[in-house]
Structure formats: C-alpha cells, structure tokens
Amino acid sequence: MAEVVELLTELRSRKWVLYVFGPHDGPDLVAAVFQWPTCADVLILRGEDEASAYRVPTFPGTDVFTPDFVSWQYHASAAWALRAVLTLDPPGHPRAPMAVLRPAAGCVVRSSCVAW
C-alpha cells in the first residue's frame, strides 16, 4: 500500500485531477485524469488489487469515464496500473499508442463523481 500512496503522490505532482465516485469518506472508486490536447490518460482505482488505466481520444463532449474506444488500456493491481500510466509515452512520441481498441469493462464508470 505504501507504494500505491507514493505513486499517487507522483501522479498528483504531475497535475492529474482526482475524482471521487461515491461517498467522500468511503468512495466506491477513485479516478484520476490527465488531459492532453487531443486525448486523456485515465486511471480508475477500484481497490488495491483492481485498477484500470487507459488513453482515450477526446473530442468535444467526450466523457472520459465512458469511452467508446481507447488507444491503450492496462488492467492490473493499483500499483501496476499506476506504474504503467506514469510511464506511458506522451501523445506524438514515436512509441505513443495509436491503436483503436474496444475498451474493456474496467474502463467504464457508471456513477456520479466529485472532483478532488
């Protein structure tokens, strides 16, 4: 758990926006978003052993928590998903993901949230 806290601190230092889904004192899940000009990187933490990270192309009106398609996705424990999304190459980089993928169920959030 200490590693997850350390990685979340790194995520916040990089100016990601955190969202809390459910009650603030006992959330159903916590998500984080980093908005690029043409896409967003998203992290969804459902628990220490269940997390998803993905990059979603953004257009006007895109809801990053209910993507129709993604260009990259990763589903693992919180620590591994955090590591993966924090090391993802930025858009435009030669190694940046460019695929068009159907998002797995872990990429979808069907609940209201509060920005943190």
N, C-alpha and C. Protein backbone atom coordinates (compact mmCIF):
# COMPACT_ATOMS: atom_id res chain seq x y z
N MET A 1 0.82 -1.20 0.00
CA MET A 1 0.00 0.00 0.00
C MET A 1 0.86 1.26 0.00
N ALA A 2 2.02 1.23 0.64
CA ALA A 2 2.91 2.39 0.68
C ALA A 2 3.35 2.79 -0.73
N GLU A 3 3.60 1.79 -1.58
CA GLU A 3 3.99 2.09 -2.96
C GLU A 3 2.86 2.79 -3.71
N VAL A 4 1.63 2.36 -3.50
CA VAL A 4 0.48 2.99 -4.15
C VAL A 4 0.37 4.45 -3.72
N VAL A 5 0.54 4.72 -2.44
CA VAL A 5 0.49 6.09 -1.93
C VAL A 5 1.60 6.92 -2.57
N GLU A 6 2.79 6.36 -2.66
CA GLU A 6 3.92 7.07 -3.28
C GLU A 6 3.63 7.37 -4.76
N LEU A 7 3.09 6.39 -5.48
CA LEU A 7 2.77 6.59 -6.90
C LEU A 7 1.63 7.60 -7.08
N LEU A 8 0.66 7.59 -6.20
CA LEU A 8 -0.43 8.58 -6.26
C LEU A 8 0.12 9.99 -5.99
N THR A 9 1.08 10.09 -5.10
CA THR A 9 1.71 11.39 -4.83
C THR A 9 2.43 11.88 -6.09
N GLU A 10 3.11 10.99 -6.77
CA GLU A 10 3.78 11.34 -8.03
C GLU A 10 2.75 11.79 -9.07
N LEU A 11 1.66 11.08 -9.17
CA LEU A 11 0.59 11.41 -10.11
C LEU A 11 0.07 12.82 -9.84
N ARG A 12 -0.18 13.14 -8.58
CA ARG A 12 -0.67 14.47 -8.21
C ARG A 12 0.38 15.54 -8.50
N SER A 13 1.66 15.23 -8.30
CA SER A 13 2.71 16.22 -8.58
C SER A 13 2.79 16.53 -10.07
N ARG A 14 2.29 15.62 -10.90
CA ARG A 14 2.26 15.84 -12.35
C ARG A 14 0.96 16.52 -12.80
N LYS A 15 0.18 16.99 -11.84
CA LYS A 15 -1.03 17.78 -12.12
C LYS A 15 -2.22 16.98 -12.66
N TRP A 16 -2.33 15.70 -12.28
CA TRP A 16 -3.51 14.93 -12.61
C TRP A 16 -4.65 15.42 -11.72
N VAL A 17 -5.87 15.36 -12.23
CA VAL A 17 -7.05 15.73 -11.45
C VAL A 17 -7.66 14.45 -10.88
N LEU A 18 -7.92 14.44 -9.57
CA LEU A 18 -8.53 13.27 -8.92
C LEU A 18 -10.04 13.44 -8.81
N TYR A 19 -10.76 12.33 -8.97
CA TYR A 19 -12.22 12.30 -8.86
C TYR A 19 -12.60 11.21 -7.87
N VAL A 20 -13.59 11.50 -7.05
CA VAL A 20 -14.08 10.53 -6.07
C VAL A 20 -15.49 10.13 -6.49
N PHE A 21 -15.73 8.85 -6.64
CA PHE A 21 -17.04 8.31 -7.01
C PHE A 21 -17.65 7.66 -5.78
N GLY A 22 -18.80 8.15 -5.37
CA GLY A 22 -19.46 7.65 -4.18
C GLY A 22 -19.19 8.56 -3.01
N PRO A 23 -19.49 8.13 -1.80
CA PRO A 23 -19.29 8.97 -0.61
C PRO A 23 -17.82 9.35 -0.43
N HIS A 24 -17.58 10.59 -0.06
CA HIS A 24 -16.22 11.09 0.10
C HIS A 24 -15.45 10.34 1.19
N ASP A 25 -16.14 9.89 2.24
CA ASP A 25 -15.47 9.20 3.34
C ASP A 25 -15.36 7.68 3.12
N GLY A 26 -15.93 7.17 2.05
CA GLY A 26 -15.84 5.75 1.71
C GLY A 26 -16.18 5.54 0.26
N PRO A 27 -15.33 6.06 -0.66
CA PRO A 27 -15.68 6.04 -2.08
C PRO A 27 -15.78 4.64 -2.67
N ASP A 28 -16.64 4.54 -3.69
CA ASP A 28 -16.74 3.30 -4.46
C ASP A 28 -15.47 3.09 -5.28
N LEU A 29 -14.96 4.19 -5.81
CA LEU A 29 -13.71 4.16 -6.55
C LEU A 29 -13.14 5.57 -6.63
N VAL A 30 -11.87 5.64 -6.96
CA VAL A 30 -11.18 6.92 -7.16
C VAL A 30 -10.58 6.86 -8.56
N ALA A 31 -10.69 7.96 -9.28
CA ALA A 31 -10.14 8.04 -10.63
C ALA A 31 -9.24 9.26 -10.74
N ALA A 32 -8.38 9.25 -11.73
CA ALA A 32 -7.51 10.39 -12.00
C ALA A 32 -7.44 10.58 -13.51
N VAL A 33 -7.34 11.85 -13.92
CA VAL A 33 -7.31 12.17 -15.35
C VAL A 33 -6.21 13.18 -15.61
N PHE A 34 -5.45 12.94 -16.67
CA PHE A 34 -4.50 13.93 -17.17
C PHE A 34 -4.94 14.25 -18.59
N GLN A 35 -5.29 15.50 -18.83
CA GLN A 35 -5.81 15.92 -20.12
C GLN A 35 -4.69 16.43 -21.02
N TRP A 36 -4.52 15.81 -22.17
CA TRP A 36 -3.63 16.27 -23.23
C TRP A 36 -4.49 17.05 -24.22
N PRO A 37 -3.91 17.75 -25.20
CA PRO A 37 -4.73 18.49 -26.17
C PRO A 37 -5.69 17.61 -26.99
N THR A 38 -5.30 16.37 -27.29
CA THR A 38 -6.13 15.52 -28.16
C THR A 38 -6.62 14.23 -27.52
N CYS A 39 -6.23 14.00 -26.27
CA CYS A 39 -6.61 12.77 -25.60
C CYS A 39 -6.48 12.96 -24.10
N ALA A 40 -6.88 11.94 -23.35
CA ALA A 40 -6.74 11.97 -21.90
C ALA A 40 -6.21 10.63 -21.42
N ASP A 41 -5.35 10.68 -20.43
CA ASP A 41 -4.92 9.46 -19.74
C ASP A 41 -5.77 9.35 -18.49
N VAL A 42 -6.31 8.16 -18.25
CA VAL A 42 -7.26 7.95 -17.16
C VAL A 42 -6.80 6.76 -16.33
N LEU A 43 -6.96 6.90 -15.02
CA LEU A 43 -6.67 5.81 -14.08
C LEU A 43 -7.91 5.62 -13.23
N ILE A 44 -8.36 4.38 -13.09
CA ILE A 44 -9.51 4.06 -12.24
C ILE A 44 -9.04 3.05 -11.20
N LEU A 45 -9.15 3.44 -9.93
CA LEU A 45 -8.77 2.57 -8.82
C LEU A 45 -10.02 2.05 -8.14
N ARG A 46 -10.25 0.76 -8.24
CA ARG A 46 -11.40 0.14 -7.59
C ARG A 46 -11.00 -0.53 -6.27
N GLY A 47 -9.74 -0.73 -6.10
CA GLY A 47 -9.19 -1.37 -4.90
C GLY A 47 -7.71 -1.61 -5.11
N GLU A 48 -7.04 -2.08 -4.09
CA GLU A 48 -5.59 -2.30 -4.19
C GLU A 48 -5.26 -3.35 -5.24
N ASP A 49 -6.17 -4.29 -5.47
CA ASP A 49 -5.92 -5.37 -6.42
C ASP A 49 -6.69 -5.22 -7.72
N GLU A 50 -7.38 -4.11 -7.91
CA GLU A 50 -8.18 -3.93 -9.13
C GLU A 50 -8.12 -2.48 -9.60
N ALA A 51 -7.48 -2.29 -10.75
CA ALA A 51 -7.35 -0.94 -11.32
C ALA A 51 -7.27 -1.04 -12.84
N SER A 52 -7.62 0.05 -13.48
CA SER A 52 -7.52 0.15 -14.94
C SER A 52 -6.91 1.49 -15.30
N ALA A 53 -6.11 1.48 -16.34
CA ALA A 53 -5.54 2.71 -16.87
C ALA A 53 -5.74 2.66 -18.38
N TYR A 54 -6.00 3.82 -18.98
CA TYR A 54 -6.20 3.85 -20.42
C TYR A 54 -6.00 5.25 -20.97
N ARG A 55 -5.79 5.32 -22.29
CA ARG A 55 -5.73 6.60 -23.01
C ARG A 55 -6.93 6.64 -23.94
N VAL A 56 -7.65 7.73 -23.86
CA VAL A 56 -8.87 7.89 -24.66
C VAL A 56 -8.74 9.15 -25.52
N PRO A 57 -8.97 9.02 -26.84
CA PRO A 57 -9.01 10.22 -27.67
C PRO A 57 -10.18 11.10 -27.23
N THR A 58 -9.97 12.41 -27.24
CA THR A 58 -11.02 13.32 -26.79
C THR A 58 -11.46 14.24 -27.92
N PHE A 59 -12.75 14.42 -27.98
CA PHE A 59 -13.41 15.33 -28.90
C PHE A 59 -14.39 16.14 -28.06
N PRO A 60 -14.96 17.22 -28.58
CA PRO A 60 -15.97 17.94 -27.79
C PRO A 60 -17.07 16.98 -27.32
N GLY A 61 -17.36 17.03 -26.03
CA GLY A 61 -18.41 16.18 -25.46
C GLY A 61 -17.96 14.80 -25.03
N THR A 62 -16.69 14.46 -25.19
CA THR A 62 -16.20 13.14 -24.77
C THR A 62 -16.29 13.00 -23.26
N ASP A 63 -16.89 11.91 -22.79
CA ASP A 63 -16.87 11.56 -21.37
C ASP A 63 -15.76 10.53 -21.19
N VAL A 64 -14.68 10.93 -20.56
CA VAL A 64 -13.52 10.04 -20.44
C VAL A 64 -13.80 8.82 -19.57
N PHE A 65 -14.90 8.84 -18.82
CA PHE A 65 -15.24 7.71 -17.95
C PHE A 65 -16.20 6.72 -18.62
N THR A 66 -16.63 7.01 -19.83
CA THR A 66 -17.44 6.07 -20.61
C THR A 66 -16.95 6.10 -22.06
N PRO A 67 -15.72 5.69 -22.30
CA PRO A 67 -15.15 5.80 -23.65
C PRO A 67 -15.78 4.82 -24.65
N ASP A 68 -15.92 5.29 -25.89
CA ASP A 68 -16.39 4.41 -26.96
C ASP A 68 -15.23 3.57 -27.50
N PHE A 69 -14.03 4.16 -27.47
CA PHE A 69 -12.83 3.44 -27.84
C PHE A 69 -11.64 4.06 -27.13
N VAL A 70 -10.56 3.30 -27.03
CA VAL A 70 -9.34 3.76 -26.38
C VAL A 70 -8.16 3.42 -27.29
N SER A 71 -7.04 4.09 -27.06
CA SER A 71 -5.86 3.77 -27.86
C SER A 71 -4.87 2.89 -27.10
N TRP A 72 -5.12 2.74 -25.80
CA TRP A 72 -4.27 1.90 -24.94
C TRP A 72 -5.06 1.60 -23.68
N GLN A 73 -4.88 0.42 -23.12
CA GLN A 73 -5.52 0.08 -21.84
C GLN A 73 -4.67 -0.95 -21.10
N TYR A 74 -4.78 -0.89 -19.78
CA TYR A 74 -4.00 -1.78 -18.93
C TYR A 74 -4.84 -2.06 -17.68
N HIS A 75 -4.97 -3.32 -17.32
CA HIS A 75 -5.81 -3.73 -16.20
C HIS A 75 -4.99 -4.64 -15.28
N ALA A 76 -4.81 -4.21 -14.03
CA ALA A 76 -3.97 -4.96 -13.09
C ALA A 76 -4.23 -4.43 -11.68
N SER A 77 -3.29 -4.69 -10.79
CA SER A 77 -3.38 -4.13 -9.44
C SER A 77 -3.17 -2.62 -9.50
N ALA A 78 -3.48 -1.93 -8.42
CA ALA A 78 -3.33 -0.48 -8.37
C ALA A 78 -1.87 -0.07 -8.63
N ALA A 79 -0.93 -0.74 -8.00
CA ALA A 79 0.48 -0.38 -8.17
C ALA A 79 0.93 -0.55 -9.63
N TRP A 80 0.57 -1.67 -10.24
CA TRP A 80 0.99 -1.91 -11.62
C TRP A 80 0.30 -0.95 -12.59
N ALA A 81 -0.96 -0.67 -12.39
CA ALA A 81 -1.67 0.27 -13.27
C ALA A 81 -1.08 1.68 -13.14
N LEU A 82 -0.76 2.08 -11.92
CA LEU A 82 -0.11 3.38 -11.71
C LEU A 82 1.25 3.44 -12.40
N ARG A 83 2.04 2.40 -12.24
CA ARG A 83 3.35 2.37 -12.90
C ARG A 83 3.19 2.48 -14.41
N ALA A 84 2.24 1.74 -14.95
CA ALA A 84 2.04 1.73 -16.40
C ALA A 84 1.63 3.09 -16.94
N VAL A 85 0.66 3.73 -16.29
CA VAL A 85 0.17 5.01 -16.81
C VAL A 85 1.20 6.11 -16.61
N LEU A 86 2.01 6.03 -15.55
CA LEU A 86 3.03 7.05 -15.31
C LEU A 86 4.22 6.92 -16.27
N THR A 87 4.37 5.78 -16.91
CA THR A 87 5.48 5.59 -17.86
C THR A 87 5.02 5.60 -19.32
N LEU A 88 3.76 5.87 -19.55
CA LEU A 88 3.20 5.92 -20.90
C LEU A 88 3.81 7.10 -21.66
N ASP A 89 4.25 6.85 -22.88
CA ASP A 89 4.83 7.92 -23.68
C ASP A 89 3.76 8.95 -24.04
N PRO A 90 4.13 10.23 -24.10
CA PRO A 90 3.15 11.28 -24.40
C PRO A 90 2.65 11.19 -25.84
N PRO A 91 1.47 11.72 -26.11
CA PRO A 91 0.95 11.73 -27.49
C PRO A 91 1.96 12.41 -28.41
N GLY A 92 2.10 11.87 -29.61
CA GLY A 92 3.05 12.41 -30.57
C GLY A 92 4.42 11.78 -30.51
N HIS A 93 4.74 11.11 -29.41
CA HIS A 93 6.02 10.40 -29.28
C HIS A 93 5.98 9.18 -30.20
N PRO A 94 7.10 8.81 -30.81
CA PRO A 94 7.10 7.64 -31.71
C PRO A 94 6.59 6.35 -31.07
N ARG A 95 6.74 6.19 -29.74
CA ARG A 95 6.26 4.97 -29.07
C ARG A 95 4.87 5.15 -28.43
N ALA A 96 4.25 6.30 -28.63
CA ALA A 96 2.92 6.53 -28.04
C ALA A 96 1.90 5.60 -28.71
N PRO A 97 0.95 5.09 -27.93
CA PRO A 97 -0.05 4.19 -28.51
C PRO A 97 -0.94 4.90 -29.53
N MET A 98 -1.26 4.18 -30.61
CA MET A 98 -2.08 4.74 -31.69
C MET A 98 -3.22 3.81 -32.07
N ALA A 99 -3.37 2.70 -31.39
CA ALA A 99 -4.38 1.70 -31.76
C ALA A 99 -5.79 2.24 -31.54
N VAL A 100 -6.75 1.56 -32.12
CA VAL A 100 -8.16 1.81 -31.84
C VAL A 100 -8.70 0.51 -31.25
N LEU A 101 -8.99 0.56 -29.96
CA LEU A 101 -9.38 -0.64 -29.22
C LEU A 101 -10.75 -0.47 -28.60
N ARG A 102 -11.47 -1.56 -28.47
CA ARG A 102 -12.72 -1.56 -27.71
C ARG A 102 -12.34 -1.57 -26.23
N PRO A 103 -12.86 -0.63 -25.45
CA PRO A 103 -12.48 -0.59 -24.03
C PRO A 103 -13.06 -1.78 -23.27
N ALA A 104 -12.26 -2.35 -22.40
CA ALA A 104 -12.72 -3.41 -21.51
C ALA A 104 -13.68 -2.80 -20.48
N ALA A 105 -14.42 -3.65 -19.80
CA ALA A 105 -15.39 -3.18 -18.80
C ALA A 105 -14.75 -2.32 -17.73
N GLY A 106 -13.48 -2.55 -17.42
CA GLY A 106 -12.78 -1.77 -16.40
C GLY A 106 -12.57 -0.32 -16.77
N CYS A 107 -12.78 0.02 -18.03
CA CYS A 107 -12.61 1.40 -18.49
C CYS A 107 -13.88 2.24 -18.34
N VAL A 108 -14.95 1.64 -17.84
CA VAL A 108 -16.23 2.33 -17.77
C VAL A 108 -16.65 2.55 -16.33
N VAL A 109 -17.07 3.78 -16.02
CA VAL A 109 -17.58 4.12 -14.70
C VAL A 109 -19.01 4.60 -14.88
N ARG A 110 -19.92 4.00 -14.15
CA ARG A 110 -21.33 4.40 -14.24
C ARG A 110 -21.81 4.89 -12.88
N SER A 111 -21.29 6.02 -12.46
CA SER A 111 -21.62 6.58 -11.15
C SER A 111 -21.27 8.06 -11.18
N SER A 112 -21.84 8.84 -10.27
CA SER A 112 -21.50 10.26 -10.23
C SER A 112 -20.22 10.48 -9.44
N CYS A 113 -19.55 11.58 -9.74
CA CYS A 113 -18.27 11.84 -9.08
C CYS A 113 -18.17 13.29 -8.63
N VAL A 114 -17.17 13.53 -7.80
CA VAL A 114 -16.84 14.85 -7.33
C VAL A 114 -15.35 15.06 -7.59
N ALA A 115 -14.97 16.18 -8.22
CA ALA A 115 -13.55 16.47 -8.43
C ALA A 115 -12.91 16.77 -7.09
N TRP A 116 -11.68 16.35 -6.94
CA TRP A 116 -10.98 16.49 -5.67
C TRP A 116 -9.86 17.46 -5.79
